[in-house]
Amino acid sequence: MTRIALLLMSLCLSLPALAEQKQSYGDLDVHYSAFNSGFLQPEIAAATGLVRSKSQGVVNVAVLKAGTASSAKVSGTVKNLLGQSTALSFKEVKEGKAIYYLAQFPFEQRETLRFTLNVTAADGVPHSFDFNQEFFPDE
């Protein structure tokens, strides 16, 4: 399972269009990425319960408190340019000391999606932020 976490994290960090995507709130860092689920290897998708599809995306969120993985409550929505919104249902994945949260969402065509993420860490303080990401269906 540790190999799966490392592969997922390295995949997220190696996607060409992504620089470090992080929001910081004092000693709390929220790292996030969104990508097409077709980039996942079949065994990784199966192990994490994700569906590989040309029209499914994945949001990956990791919360670090003072540099250490921390549990959190993560929720959010994804909205297309027409204003159609989909709730994100995150599931927690724990592998050794790593904790991350994954959610899948559909997209129909090449489009820019707006994500709103809500993160409440163990201290109970809620944080919210938005980001945009362009998606392309796998052909």
N, C-alpha and C. Protein backbone atom coordinates (compact mmCIF):
# COMPACT_ATOMS: atom_id res chain seq x y z
N MET A 1 0.82 -1.20 0.00
CA MET A 1 0.00 0.00 0.00
C MET A 1 0.86 1.26 0.00
N THR A 2 2.02 1.23 0.62
CA THR A 2 2.89 2.39 0.63
C THR A 2 3.29 2.75 -0.78
N ARG A 3 3.52 1.73 -1.62
CA ARG A 3 3.86 2.00 -3.02
C ARG A 3 2.74 2.73 -3.72
N ILE A 4 1.51 2.42 -3.38
CA ILE A 4 0.36 3.08 -4.00
C ILE A 4 0.36 4.55 -3.62
N ALA A 5 0.57 4.86 -2.36
CA ALA A 5 0.59 6.26 -1.91
C ALA A 5 1.71 7.02 -2.60
N LEU A 6 2.88 6.41 -2.66
CA LEU A 6 4.00 7.08 -3.31
C LEU A 6 3.73 7.30 -4.79
N LEU A 7 3.13 6.32 -5.44
CA LEU A 7 2.83 6.46 -6.85
C LEU A 7 1.79 7.55 -7.09
N LEU A 8 0.73 7.57 -6.26
CA LEU A 8 -0.29 8.61 -6.40
C LEU A 8 0.31 9.99 -6.19
N MET A 9 1.10 10.14 -5.15
CA MET A 9 1.70 11.44 -4.88
C MET A 9 2.67 11.83 -5.98
N SER A 10 3.49 10.90 -6.46
CA SER A 10 4.43 11.25 -7.52
C SER A 10 3.70 11.56 -8.82
N LEU A 11 2.58 10.86 -9.08
CA LEU A 11 1.78 11.17 -10.25
C LEU A 11 1.25 12.59 -10.17
N CYS A 12 0.74 12.94 -9.02
CA CYS A 12 0.19 14.28 -8.85
C CYS A 12 1.27 15.35 -9.01
N LEU A 13 2.45 15.06 -8.53
CA LEU A 13 3.53 16.04 -8.61
C LEU A 13 4.17 16.10 -9.98
N SER A 14 4.00 15.05 -10.79
CA SER A 14 4.69 15.02 -12.06
C SER A 14 3.83 15.47 -13.24
N LEU A 15 2.57 15.73 -13.03
CA LEU A 15 1.74 16.18 -14.13
C LEU A 15 2.30 17.49 -14.66
N PRO A 16 2.46 17.62 -15.95
CA PRO A 16 3.18 18.74 -16.54
C PRO A 16 2.60 20.11 -16.23
N ALA A 17 1.30 20.25 -16.15
CA ALA A 17 0.72 21.57 -15.98
C ALA A 17 0.67 22.03 -14.53
N LEU A 18 1.11 21.19 -13.63
CA LEU A 18 0.95 21.53 -12.22
C LEU A 18 2.26 21.98 -11.59
N ALA A 19 2.19 23.08 -10.91
CA ALA A 19 3.26 23.46 -10.01
C ALA A 19 2.76 23.05 -8.63
N GLU A 20 3.49 23.40 -7.59
CA GLU A 20 3.00 23.05 -6.26
C GLU A 20 1.68 23.77 -6.02
N GLN A 21 0.69 23.02 -5.65
CA GLN A 21 -0.61 23.59 -5.34
C GLN A 21 -0.84 23.38 -3.86
N LYS A 22 -0.81 24.50 -3.14
CA LYS A 22 -0.88 24.43 -1.69
C LYS A 22 -1.52 25.70 -1.15
N GLN A 23 -2.31 25.52 -0.11
CA GLN A 23 -2.84 26.64 0.67
C GLN A 23 -2.29 26.47 2.08
N SER A 24 -1.79 27.55 2.64
CA SER A 24 -1.23 27.51 4.00
C SER A 24 -2.04 28.39 4.93
N TYR A 25 -2.28 27.86 6.12
CA TYR A 25 -2.99 28.56 7.18
C TYR A 25 -2.18 28.37 8.46
N GLY A 26 -1.23 29.25 8.71
CA GLY A 26 -0.33 29.06 9.85
C GLY A 26 0.52 27.83 9.62
N ASP A 27 0.50 26.89 10.58
CA ASP A 27 1.31 25.67 10.42
C ASP A 27 0.53 24.55 9.73
N LEU A 28 -0.64 24.87 9.18
CA LEU A 28 -1.45 23.91 8.45
C LEU A 28 -1.26 24.13 6.94
N ASP A 29 -0.84 23.10 6.24
CA ASP A 29 -0.68 23.15 4.78
C ASP A 29 -1.65 22.18 4.15
N VAL A 30 -2.39 22.65 3.16
CA VAL A 30 -3.32 21.81 2.41
C VAL A 30 -2.78 21.70 0.99
N HIS A 31 -2.31 20.52 0.62
CA HIS A 31 -1.80 20.25 -0.73
C HIS A 31 -2.94 19.63 -1.53
N TYR A 32 -3.08 20.03 -2.77
CA TYR A 32 -4.18 19.51 -3.58
C TYR A 32 -3.77 19.41 -5.04
N SER A 33 -4.44 18.51 -5.74
CA SER A 33 -4.26 18.40 -7.19
C SER A 33 -5.53 17.79 -7.77
N ALA A 34 -5.76 18.06 -9.03
CA ALA A 34 -6.89 17.50 -9.75
C ALA A 34 -6.37 17.02 -11.11
N PHE A 35 -6.80 15.83 -11.53
CA PHE A 35 -6.29 15.26 -12.77
C PHE A 35 -7.28 14.26 -13.33
N ASN A 36 -7.10 13.91 -14.58
CA ASN A 36 -7.94 12.94 -15.26
C ASN A 36 -7.64 11.54 -14.71
N SER A 37 -8.68 10.78 -14.40
CA SER A 37 -8.47 9.46 -13.80
C SER A 37 -7.83 8.47 -14.77
N GLY A 38 -7.83 8.79 -16.05
CA GLY A 38 -7.16 7.94 -17.02
C GLY A 38 -5.65 7.88 -16.82
N PHE A 39 -5.08 8.83 -16.09
CA PHE A 39 -3.65 8.83 -15.80
C PHE A 39 -3.27 7.76 -14.77
N LEU A 40 -4.25 7.26 -14.03
CA LEU A 40 -3.96 6.26 -13.00
C LEU A 40 -3.67 4.90 -13.63
N GLN A 41 -2.73 4.18 -13.05
CA GLN A 41 -2.49 2.81 -13.45
C GLN A 41 -3.68 1.97 -12.96
N PRO A 42 -4.07 0.93 -13.70
CA PRO A 42 -5.23 0.13 -13.30
C PRO A 42 -5.15 -0.41 -11.88
N GLU A 43 -3.97 -0.89 -11.47
CA GLU A 43 -3.86 -1.45 -10.12
C GLU A 43 -3.99 -0.39 -9.03
N ILE A 44 -3.55 0.83 -9.32
CA ILE A 44 -3.69 1.94 -8.36
C ILE A 44 -5.16 2.32 -8.24
N ALA A 45 -5.83 2.44 -9.37
CA ALA A 45 -7.26 2.77 -9.36
C ALA A 45 -8.05 1.72 -8.57
N ALA A 46 -7.77 0.46 -8.83
CA ALA A 46 -8.48 -0.62 -8.14
C ALA A 46 -8.21 -0.59 -6.64
N ALA A 47 -6.97 -0.37 -6.25
CA ALA A 47 -6.62 -0.38 -4.82
C ALA A 47 -7.25 0.78 -4.06
N THR A 48 -7.50 1.89 -4.73
CA THR A 48 -8.07 3.06 -4.06
C THR A 48 -9.57 3.21 -4.32
N GLY A 49 -10.14 2.28 -5.11
CA GLY A 49 -11.57 2.33 -5.38
C GLY A 49 -11.97 3.42 -6.36
N LEU A 50 -11.03 3.83 -7.22
CA LEU A 50 -11.33 4.87 -8.20
C LEU A 50 -11.64 4.25 -9.56
N VAL A 51 -12.44 4.93 -10.34
CA VAL A 51 -12.80 4.48 -11.67
C VAL A 51 -11.92 5.20 -12.69
N ARG A 52 -11.27 4.41 -13.55
CA ARG A 52 -10.50 5.00 -14.66
C ARG A 52 -11.47 5.25 -15.81
N SER A 53 -11.49 6.48 -16.30
CA SER A 53 -12.40 6.83 -17.38
C SER A 53 -11.91 8.08 -18.07
N LYS A 54 -12.23 8.19 -19.38
CA LYS A 54 -11.82 9.37 -20.11
C LYS A 54 -12.60 10.61 -19.68
N SER A 55 -13.69 10.41 -18.97
CA SER A 55 -14.51 11.55 -18.56
C SER A 55 -14.73 11.61 -17.04
N GLN A 56 -13.75 11.10 -16.29
CA GLN A 56 -13.78 11.17 -14.83
C GLN A 56 -12.49 11.82 -14.34
N GLY A 57 -12.61 12.74 -13.43
CA GLY A 57 -11.44 13.37 -12.82
C GLY A 57 -11.31 12.93 -11.38
N VAL A 58 -10.16 13.25 -10.79
CA VAL A 58 -9.87 12.94 -9.39
C VAL A 58 -9.31 14.18 -8.73
N VAL A 59 -9.77 14.45 -7.52
CA VAL A 59 -9.17 15.49 -6.67
C VAL A 59 -8.47 14.76 -5.53
N ASN A 60 -7.22 15.12 -5.29
CA ASN A 60 -6.41 14.53 -4.23
C ASN A 60 -6.03 15.66 -3.26
N VAL A 61 -6.31 15.48 -1.98
CA VAL A 61 -6.02 16.48 -0.95
C VAL A 61 -5.24 15.82 0.17
N ALA A 62 -4.17 16.47 0.59
CA ALA A 62 -3.39 16.01 1.75
C ALA A 62 -3.25 17.19 2.70
N VAL A 63 -3.45 16.93 3.99
CA VAL A 63 -3.38 17.97 5.01
C VAL A 63 -2.19 17.67 5.91
N LEU A 64 -1.32 18.67 6.06
CA LEU A 64 -0.15 18.54 6.94
C LEU A 64 -0.21 19.61 8.02
N LYS A 65 -0.03 19.17 9.24
CA LYS A 65 0.04 20.10 10.38
C LYS A 65 1.48 20.07 10.87
N ALA A 66 2.16 21.20 10.76
CA ALA A 66 3.58 21.29 11.14
C ALA A 66 4.41 20.21 10.44
N GLY A 67 4.07 19.94 9.16
CA GLY A 67 4.84 18.98 8.37
C GLY A 67 4.47 17.53 8.56
N THR A 68 3.48 17.23 9.40
CA THR A 68 3.07 15.85 9.66
C THR A 68 1.65 15.64 9.15
N ALA A 69 1.41 14.49 8.51
CA ALA A 69 0.08 14.18 8.00
C ALA A 69 -0.95 14.29 9.11
N SER A 70 -2.09 14.89 8.78
CA SER A 70 -3.12 15.14 9.77
C SER A 70 -4.49 14.75 9.20
N SER A 71 -5.33 14.20 10.05
CA SER A 71 -6.70 13.91 9.64
C SER A 71 -7.48 15.21 9.52
N ALA A 72 -8.47 15.19 8.66
CA ALA A 72 -9.29 16.39 8.45
C ALA A 72 -10.64 15.96 7.89
N LYS A 73 -11.57 16.87 7.90
CA LYS A 73 -12.83 16.67 7.21
C LYS A 73 -12.73 17.50 5.93
N VAL A 74 -12.89 16.83 4.78
CA VAL A 74 -12.75 17.50 3.49
C VAL A 74 -14.05 17.35 2.71
N SER A 75 -14.54 18.45 2.19
CA SER A 75 -15.72 18.44 1.33
C SER A 75 -15.51 19.48 0.25
N GLY A 76 -16.44 19.53 -0.68
CA GLY A 76 -16.29 20.53 -1.72
C GLY A 76 -17.25 20.32 -2.87
N THR A 77 -17.11 21.20 -3.86
CA THR A 77 -17.91 21.12 -5.07
C THR A 77 -17.03 21.43 -6.27
N VAL A 78 -17.48 20.98 -7.42
CA VAL A 78 -16.84 21.32 -8.69
C VAL A 78 -17.95 21.88 -9.57
N LYS A 79 -17.62 22.98 -10.28
CA LYS A 79 -18.62 23.67 -11.08
C LYS A 79 -18.05 23.95 -12.46
N ASN A 80 -18.86 23.72 -13.49
CA ASN A 80 -18.40 24.05 -14.84
C ASN A 80 -18.75 25.51 -15.16
N LEU A 81 -18.37 25.96 -16.35
CA LEU A 81 -18.58 27.36 -16.71
C LEU A 81 -20.05 27.72 -16.89
N LEU A 82 -20.91 26.73 -17.06
CA LEU A 82 -22.35 26.97 -17.16
C LEU A 82 -23.00 27.08 -15.78
N GLY A 83 -22.21 26.86 -14.73
CA GLY A 83 -22.72 26.94 -13.37
C GLY A 83 -23.28 25.64 -12.83
N GLN A 84 -23.16 24.55 -13.60
CA GLN A 84 -23.63 23.25 -13.12
C GLN A 84 -22.64 22.74 -12.07
N SER A 85 -23.17 22.41 -10.91
CA SER A 85 -22.34 22.06 -9.77
C SER A 85 -22.52 20.59 -9.39
N THR A 86 -21.41 19.97 -8.98
CA THR A 86 -21.42 18.59 -8.50
C THR A 86 -20.73 18.56 -7.14
N ALA A 87 -21.38 17.94 -6.17
CA ALA A 87 -20.76 17.79 -4.85
C ALA A 87 -19.65 16.75 -4.93
N LEU A 88 -18.57 17.01 -4.24
CA LEU A 88 -17.45 16.08 -4.16
C LEU A 88 -17.58 15.26 -2.89
N SER A 89 -17.49 13.96 -3.03
CA SER A 89 -17.57 13.05 -1.89
C SER A 89 -16.17 12.46 -1.66
N PHE A 90 -15.49 12.96 -0.65
CA PHE A 90 -14.12 12.54 -0.39
C PHE A 90 -14.08 11.30 0.50
N LYS A 91 -13.13 10.43 0.19
CA LYS A 91 -12.88 9.30 1.07
C LYS A 91 -11.44 9.39 1.57
N GLU A 92 -11.27 9.03 2.82
CA GLU A 92 -9.95 9.08 3.44
C GLU A 92 -9.18 7.80 3.13
N VAL A 93 -7.92 7.97 2.75
CA VAL A 93 -7.03 6.84 2.51
C VAL A 93 -5.84 7.00 3.45
N LYS A 94 -5.57 5.95 4.23
CA LYS A 94 -4.42 5.96 5.14
C LYS A 94 -3.47 4.85 4.72
N GLU A 95 -2.22 5.22 4.57
CA GLU A 95 -1.17 4.25 4.25
C GLU A 95 0.05 4.60 5.09
N GLY A 96 0.29 3.80 6.09
CA GLY A 96 1.39 4.11 7.00
C GLY A 96 1.14 5.46 7.65
N LYS A 97 2.07 6.38 7.51
CA LYS A 97 1.92 7.72 8.09
C LYS A 97 1.22 8.68 7.15
N ALA A 98 1.00 8.29 5.91
CA ALA A 98 0.36 9.16 4.93
C ALA A 98 -1.17 9.11 5.07
N ILE A 99 -1.79 10.28 4.96
CA ILE A 99 -3.25 10.41 4.96
C ILE A 99 -3.60 11.34 3.81
N TYR A 100 -4.51 10.88 2.95
CA TYR A 100 -4.96 11.77 1.89
C TYR A 100 -6.42 11.49 1.60
N TYR A 101 -7.03 12.41 0.87
CA TYR A 101 -8.46 12.37 0.61
C TYR A 101 -8.68 12.42 -0.89
N LEU A 102 -9.51 11.51 -1.40
CA LEU A 102 -9.76 11.40 -2.83
C LEU A 102 -11.25 11.54 -3.13
N ALA A 103 -11.55 12.24 -4.22
CA ALA A 103 -12.93 12.34 -4.70
C ALA A 103 -12.90 12.30 -6.22
N GLN A 104 -13.92 11.70 -6.80
CA GLN A 104 -14.05 11.68 -8.26
C GLN A 104 -15.19 12.56 -8.70
N PHE A 105 -15.11 13.02 -9.95
CA PHE A 105 -16.15 13.87 -10.51
C PHE A 105 -16.18 13.66 -12.02
N PRO A 106 -17.34 13.87 -12.63
CA PRO A 106 -17.46 13.71 -14.08
C PRO A 106 -17.15 15.04 -14.80
N PHE A 107 -16.70 14.92 -16.04
CA PHE A 107 -16.64 16.07 -16.94
C PHE A 107 -16.95 15.57 -18.34
N GLU A 108 -17.57 16.41 -19.13
CA GLU A 108 -18.10 15.97 -20.43
C GLU A 108 -17.13 16.20 -21.59
N GLN A 109 -16.44 17.29 -21.57
CA GLN A 109 -15.63 17.70 -22.71
C GLN A 109 -14.46 18.53 -22.21
N ARG A 110 -13.67 19.05 -23.12
CA ARG A 110 -12.61 19.96 -22.70
C ARG A 110 -13.28 21.15 -22.04
N GLU A 111 -12.95 21.37 -20.78
CA GLU A 111 -13.56 22.48 -20.05
C GLU A 111 -12.73 22.87 -18.84
N THR A 112 -12.92 24.11 -18.44
CA THR A 112 -12.30 24.61 -17.22
C THR A 112 -13.30 24.45 -16.09
N LEU A 113 -12.86 23.80 -15.03
CA LEU A 113 -13.72 23.56 -13.87
C LEU A 113 -13.24 24.39 -12.69
N ARG A 114 -14.19 24.84 -11.88
CA ARG A 114 -13.88 25.61 -10.67
C ARG A 114 -14.18 24.73 -9.46
N PHE A 115 -13.17 24.55 -8.64
CA PHE A 115 -13.29 23.73 -7.44
C PHE A 115 -13.37 24.63 -6.22
N THR A 116 -14.24 24.30 -5.30
CA THR A 116 -14.30 24.93 -3.99
C THR A 116 -14.09 23.81 -2.98
N LEU A 117 -13.01 23.91 -2.21
CA LEU A 117 -12.70 22.89 -1.21
C LEU A 117 -12.85 23.47 0.18
N ASN A 118 -13.41 22.66 1.08
CA ASN A 118 -13.58 23.02 2.48
C ASN A 118 -12.83 22.00 3.32
N VAL A 119 -11.90 22.48 4.13
CA VAL A 119 -11.06 21.61 4.94
C VAL A 119 -11.17 22.04 6.40
N THR A 120 -11.56 21.10 7.25
CA THR A 120 -11.58 21.35 8.69
C THR A 120 -10.61 20.36 9.32
N ALA A 121 -9.51 20.89 9.84
CA ALA A 121 -8.48 20.05 10.45
C ALA A 121 -8.91 19.64 11.86
N ALA A 122 -8.06 18.87 12.50
CA ALA A 122 -8.35 18.34 13.83
C ALA A 122 -8.64 19.43 14.86
N ASP A 123 -8.10 20.64 14.64
CA ASP A 123 -8.33 21.73 15.60
C ASP A 123 -9.73 22.32 15.46
N GLY A 124 -10.51 21.88 14.46
CA GLY A 124 -11.88 22.33 14.30
C GLY A 124 -12.06 23.63 13.54
N VAL A 125 -10.96 24.23 13.10
CA VAL A 125 -11.05 25.50 12.39
C VAL A 125 -11.27 25.22 10.89
N PRO A 126 -12.37 25.74 10.32
CA PRO A 126 -12.63 25.48 8.91
C PRO A 126 -11.86 26.44 8.00
N HIS A 127 -11.44 25.93 6.85
CA HIS A 127 -10.76 26.72 5.83
C HIS A 127 -11.40 26.39 4.49
N SER A 128 -11.52 27.39 3.64
CA SER A 128 -12.11 27.19 2.34
C SER A 128 -11.30 27.92 1.29
N PHE A 129 -11.15 27.32 0.10
CA PHE A 129 -10.44 27.98 -0.99
C PHE A 129 -10.94 27.45 -2.32
N ASP A 130 -10.66 28.20 -3.38
CA ASP A 130 -11.08 27.85 -4.73
C ASP A 130 -9.86 27.74 -5.63
N PHE A 131 -10.00 26.92 -6.69
CA PHE A 131 -9.01 26.90 -7.75
C PHE A 131 -9.68 26.44 -9.03
N ASN A 132 -9.09 26.81 -10.15
CA ASN A 132 -9.57 26.41 -11.47
C ASN A 132 -8.60 25.43 -12.09
N GLN A 133 -9.15 24.51 -12.88
CA GLN A 133 -8.29 23.52 -13.57
C GLN A 133 -8.97 23.18 -14.90
N GLU A 134 -8.17 23.13 -15.95
CA GLU A 134 -8.70 22.73 -17.25
C GLU A 134 -8.56 21.22 -17.41
N PHE A 135 -9.60 20.59 -17.96
CA PHE A 135 -9.61 19.14 -18.17
C PHE A 135 -9.85 18.82 -19.62
N PHE A 136 -9.22 17.73 -20.05
CA PHE A 136 -9.34 17.23 -21.42
C PHE A 136 -9.71 15.75 -21.32
N PRO A 137 -10.79 15.33 -21.97
CA PRO A 137 -11.10 13.90 -21.95
C PRO A 137 -10.01 13.12 -22.69
N ASP A 138 -9.66 11.95 -22.17
CA ASP A 138 -8.71 11.08 -22.87
C ASP A 138 -9.36 10.63 -24.16
N GLU A 139 -8.59 10.58 -25.20
CA GLU A 139 -9.14 10.16 -26.50
C GLU A 139 -8.68 8.76 -26.79
